[in-house]
Amino acid sequence: MADHFTHFSCLLDVGTPENAARALELYNSLSDENAAEDPPSDGFMLSIQPEHGGTHLWMRDDGTGDPEHVIRFVMRCAAEFGLTGRWGMQYANTCSKPRVDGFGGGAHVLDLVTGETVDWIYTDGWLSTVLEGGDPYA
């Protein structure tokens, strides 16, 4: 049996060290909500990066993670701290054993002011659709 993993690593600048400390509280709250889901998502790891002035949060998987969980967290931080601009992340879907269509990935970009998705891509099924002559964007 093969195991499937989602890997990512990204930063979010929350503006001040005080916001970064508060973001840890938001993270814990979101993690508690996630634990109550059935089933809970894989979540992600979070730390404050001092080499970036203590204002950047480093979000990454712990063996595997859930990009949607990261996006929800970033949207909460954006609303809580009045963040502006765009933020994005990319991720890779991998498999512990060679499997046809066992690999892929994607990326997601948010407008931090509105919380709206600017653009996204998800490659699961893209290759097989194109090889079969279909339109992967339909």
C-alpha atoms as a PDB file:
ATOM      1  CA  MET A   1       0.000   0.000   0.000  1.00  0.00           C
ATOM      2  CA  ALA A   2       1.269   3.477  -0.853  1.00  0.00           C
ATOM      3  CA  ASP A   3       1.144   6.483   1.429  1.00  0.00           C
ATOM      4  CA  HIS A   4       0.267   9.903   0.018  1.00  0.00           C
ATOM      5  CA  PHE A   5       1.740  13.182   1.304  1.00  0.00           C
ATOM      6  CA  THR A   6       1.203  16.893   0.727  1.00  0.00           C
ATOM      7  CA  HIS A   7       4.320  19.035   1.238  1.00  0.00           C
ATOM      8  CA  PHE A   8       4.616  22.817   1.447  1.00  0.00           C
ATOM      9  CA  SER A   9       6.644  25.588   3.050  1.00  0.00           C
ATOM     10  CA  CYS A  10       5.649  29.260   2.954  1.00  0.00           C
ATOM     11  CA  LEU A  11       5.909  32.553   4.839  1.00  0.00           C
ATOM     12  CA  LEU A  12       3.354  35.174   5.878  1.00  0.00           C
ATOM     13  CA  ASP A  13       4.439  38.649   7.017  1.00  0.00           C
ATOM     14  CA  VAL A  14       2.014  39.796   9.724  1.00  0.00           C
ATOM     15  CA  GLY A  15       3.650  43.211  10.143  1.00  0.00           C
ATOM     16  CA  THR A  16       4.772  43.297  13.785  1.00  0.00           C
ATOM     17  CA  PRO A  17       6.219  40.913  16.375  1.00  0.00           C
ATOM     18  CA  GLU A  18       3.070  41.534  18.457  1.00  0.00           C
ATOM     19  CA  ASN A  19       0.905  40.349  15.564  1.00  0.00           C
ATOM     20  CA  ALA A  20       3.129  37.289  15.193  1.00  0.00           C
ATOM     21  CA  ALA A  21       2.615  36.417  18.865  1.00  0.00           C
ATOM     22  CA  ARG A  22      -1.152  36.914  18.492  1.00  0.00           C
ATOM     23  CA  ALA A  23      -1.072  34.738  15.355  1.00  0.00           C
ATOM     24  CA  LEU A  24       0.110  31.833  17.514  1.00  0.00           C
ATOM     25  CA  GLU A  25      -3.127  32.185  19.512  1.00  0.00           C
ATOM     26  CA  LEU A  26      -5.149  32.182  16.256  1.00  0.00           C
ATOM     27  CA  TYR A  27      -3.245  29.091  15.154  1.00  0.00           C
ATOM     28  CA  ASN A  28      -4.059  27.274  18.404  1.00  0.00           C
ATOM     29  CA  SER A  29      -7.735  28.213  18.071  1.00  0.00           C
ATOM     30  CA  LEU A  30      -7.866  26.970  14.481  1.00  0.00           C
ATOM     31  CA  SER A  31      -6.066  23.765  15.511  1.00  0.00           C
ATOM     32  CA  ASP A  32      -8.686  23.164  18.215  1.00  0.00           C
ATOM     33  CA  GLU A  33     -11.467  23.658  15.646  1.00  0.00           C
ATOM     34  CA  ASN A  34      -9.701  21.284  13.275  1.00  0.00           C
ATOM     35  CA  ALA A  35      -9.408  18.615  15.970  1.00  0.00           C
ATOM     36  CA  ALA A  36     -13.197  18.731  16.378  1.00  0.00           C
ATOM     37  CA  GLU A  37     -13.766  18.021  12.650  1.00  0.00           C
ATOM     38  CA  ASP A  38     -14.604  14.480  11.603  1.00  0.00           C
ATOM     39  CA  PRO A  39     -12.122  13.524  10.342  1.00  0.00           C
ATOM     40  CA  PRO A  40      -9.613  16.221  11.294  1.00  0.00           C
ATOM     41  CA  SER A  41      -7.355  17.539   8.521  1.00  0.00           C
ATOM     42  CA  ASP A  42      -3.608  17.030   8.605  1.00  0.00           C
ATOM     43  CA  GLY A  43      -3.016  20.658   9.567  1.00  0.00           C
ATOM     44  CA  PHE A  44       0.429  22.251   9.486  1.00  0.00           C
ATOM     45  CA  MET A  45       3.306  23.442  11.661  1.00  0.00           C
ATOM     46  CA  LEU A  46       3.828  27.130  12.492  1.00  0.00           C
ATOM     47  CA  SER A  47       6.728  29.121  13.906  1.00  0.00           C
ATOM     48  CA  ILE A  48       7.864  32.744  14.057  1.00  0.00           C
ATOM     49  CA  GLN A  49      11.010  33.396  12.013  1.00  0.00           C
ATOM     50  CA  PRO A  50      13.377  35.694  13.964  1.00  0.00           C
ATOM     51  CA  GLU A  51      15.717  36.102  10.974  1.00  0.00           C
ATOM     52  CA  HIS A  52      12.873  38.065   9.327  1.00  0.00           C
ATOM     53  CA  GLY A  53      12.494  40.506  12.223  1.00  0.00           C
ATOM     54  CA  GLY A  54      10.016  38.318  14.096  1.00  0.00           C
ATOM     55  CA  THR A  55       7.166  39.388  11.796  1.00  0.00           C
ATOM     56  CA  HIS A  56       7.133  36.387   9.446  1.00  0.00           C
ATOM     57  CA  LEU A  57       5.286  33.176  10.178  1.00  0.00           C
ATOM     58  CA  TRP A  58       6.711  29.997   8.681  1.00  0.00           C
ATOM     59  CA  MET A  59       4.020  27.478   7.777  1.00  0.00           C
ATOM     60  CA  ARG A  60       5.016  23.993   6.664  1.00  0.00           C
ATOM     61  CA  ASP A  61       3.897  20.395   6.646  1.00  0.00           C
ATOM     62  CA  ASP A  62       4.956  17.890   9.277  1.00  0.00           C
ATOM     63  CA  GLY A  63       5.341  14.915   6.960  1.00  0.00           C
ATOM     64  CA  THR A  64       2.047  15.811   5.289  1.00  0.00           C
ATOM     65  CA  GLY A  65      -0.281  18.777   5.623  1.00  0.00           C
ATOM     66  CA  ASP A  66      -3.457  20.450   4.437  1.00  0.00           C
ATOM     67  CA  PRO A  67      -3.111  23.545   2.207  1.00  0.00           C
ATOM     68  CA  GLU A  68      -6.765  24.454   2.826  1.00  0.00           C
ATOM     69  CA  HIS A  69      -6.026  24.640   6.561  1.00  0.00           C
ATOM     70  CA  VAL A  70      -3.151  27.067   5.828  1.00  0.00           C
ATOM     71  CA  ILE A  71      -5.382  29.209   3.597  1.00  0.00           C
ATOM     72  CA  ARG A  72      -8.051  29.470   6.329  1.00  0.00           C
ATOM     73  CA  PHE A  73      -5.370  30.507   8.823  1.00  0.00           C
ATOM     74  CA  VAL A  74      -3.929  33.153   6.473  1.00  0.00           C
ATOM     75  CA  MET A  75      -7.416  34.567   5.882  1.00  0.00           C
ATOM     76  CA  ARG A  76      -7.948  34.857   9.653  1.00  0.00           C
ATOM     77  CA  CYS A  77      -4.601  36.600  10.071  1.00  0.00           C
ATOM     78  CA  ALA A  78      -5.373  38.981   7.196  1.00  0.00           C
ATOM     79  CA  ALA A  79      -8.700  39.965   8.786  1.00  0.00           C
ATOM     80  CA  GLU A  80      -7.278  40.202  12.320  1.00  0.00           C
ATOM     81  CA  PHE A  81      -4.209  42.272  11.403  1.00  0.00           C
ATOM     82  CA  GLY A  82      -5.501  44.274   8.434  1.00  0.00           C
ATOM     83  CA  LEU A  83      -3.002  42.713   6.024  1.00  0.00           C
ATOM     84  CA  THR A  84      -2.920  43.963   2.435  1.00  0.00           C
ATOM     85  CA  GLY A  85      -1.510  42.792  -0.869  1.00  0.00           C
ATOM     86  CA  ARG A  86      -1.346  39.254  -2.149  1.00  0.00           C
ATOM     87  CA  TRP A  87      -0.159  36.067  -0.515  1.00  0.00           C
ATOM     88  CA  GLY A  88       0.379  32.685  -2.061  1.00  0.00           C
ATOM     89  CA  MET A  89       1.595  29.180  -1.488  1.00  0.00           C
ATOM     90  CA  GLN A  90       2.457  26.185  -3.602  1.00  0.00           C
ATOM     91  CA  TYR A  91       2.398  22.558  -2.601  1.00  0.00           C
ATOM     92  CA  ALA A  92       3.423  19.145  -3.868  1.00  0.00           C
ATOM     93  CA  ASN A  93       1.414  15.945  -3.668  1.00  0.00           C
ATOM     94  CA  THR A  94       3.723  12.945  -3.468  1.00  0.00           C
ATOM     95  CA  CYS A  95       3.448   9.213  -3.026  1.00  0.00           C
ATOM     96  CA  SER A  96       5.668   6.806  -1.103  1.00  0.00           C
ATOM     97  CA  LYS A  97       5.690   4.356  -4.023  1.00  0.00           C
ATOM     98  CA  PRO A  98       5.621   4.863  -7.776  1.00  0.00           C
ATOM     99  CA  ARG A  99       1.986   5.178  -8.802  1.00  0.00           C
ATOM    100  CA  VAL A 100       0.460   6.396 -12.051  1.00  0.00           C
ATOM    101  CA  ASP A 101      -1.223   9.699 -11.225  1.00  0.00           C
ATOM    102  CA  GLY A 102       0.234   9.484  -7.711  1.00  0.00           C
ATOM    103  CA  PHE A 103       1.973  12.866  -7.955  1.00  0.00           C
ATOM    104  CA  GLY A 104       0.804  16.413  -8.501  1.00  0.00           C
ATOM    105  CA  GLY A 105       0.479  19.690  -6.735  1.00  0.00           C
ATOM    106  CA  GLY A 106      -0.903  23.142  -6.964  1.00  0.00           C
ATOM    107  CA  ALA A 107      -0.729  26.766  -5.939  1.00  0.00           C
ATOM    108  CA  HIS A 108      -3.155  29.289  -4.489  1.00  0.00           C
ATOM    109  CA  VAL A 109      -3.032  33.122  -4.414  1.00  0.00           C
ATOM    110  CA  LEU A 110      -5.222  35.239  -2.098  1.00  0.00           C
ATOM    111  CA  ASP A 111      -6.050  38.934  -2.015  1.00  0.00           C
ATOM    112  CA  LEU A 112      -5.431  39.626   1.673  1.00  0.00           C
ATOM    113  CA  VAL A 113      -7.812  42.602   1.780  1.00  0.00           C
ATOM    114  CA  THR A 114     -10.880  40.831   0.389  1.00  0.00           C
ATOM    115  CA  GLY A 115     -10.011  37.239   1.269  1.00  0.00           C
ATOM    116  CA  GLU A 116     -10.889  36.328  -2.315  1.00  0.00           C
ATOM    117  CA  THR A 117      -8.919  33.871  -4.403  1.00  0.00           C
ATOM    118  CA  VAL A 118      -6.940  35.693  -7.104  1.00  0.00           C
ATOM    119  CA  ASP A 119      -6.014  32.486  -8.914  1.00  0.00           C
ATOM    120  CA  TRP A 120      -5.275  28.829  -8.240  1.00  0.00           C
ATOM    121  CA  ILE A 121      -4.132  25.699 -10.018  1.00  0.00           C
ATOM    122  CA  TYR A 122      -4.418  22.044  -9.065  1.00  0.00           C
ATOM    123  CA  THR A 123      -2.681  19.465 -11.237  1.00  0.00           C
ATOM    124  CA  ASP A 124      -4.455  16.295 -10.110  1.00  0.00           C
ATOM    125  CA  GLY A 125      -5.913  14.790 -13.271  1.00  0.00           C
ATOM    126  CA  TRP A 126      -4.517  17.569 -15.497  1.00  0.00           C
ATOM    127  CA  LEU A 127      -2.020  15.364 -17.338  1.00  0.00           C
ATOM    128  CA  SER A 128      -4.428  12.518 -18.070  1.00  0.00           C
ATOM    129  CA  THR A 129      -7.089  14.987 -19.263  1.00  0.00           C
ATOM    130  CA  VAL A 130      -4.665  16.638 -21.699  1.00  0.00           C
ATOM    131  CA  LEU A 131      -3.293  13.312 -22.949  1.00  0.00           C
ATOM    132  CA  GLU A 132      -6.844  12.155 -23.643  1.00  0.00           C
ATOM    133  CA  GLY A 133      -7.406  15.309 -25.725  1.00  0.00           C
ATOM    134  CA  GLY A 134      -9.630  17.063 -23.219  1.00  0.00           C
ATOM    135  CA  ASP A 135      -9.568  20.641 -22.007  1.00  0.00           C
ATOM    136  CA  PRO A 136      -8.222  20.661 -18.427  1.00  0.00           C
ATOM    137  CA  TYR A 137      -9.695  24.134 -17.911  1.00  0.00           C
ATOM    138  CA  ALA A 138     -13.242  23.272 -18.934  1.00  0.00           C
END
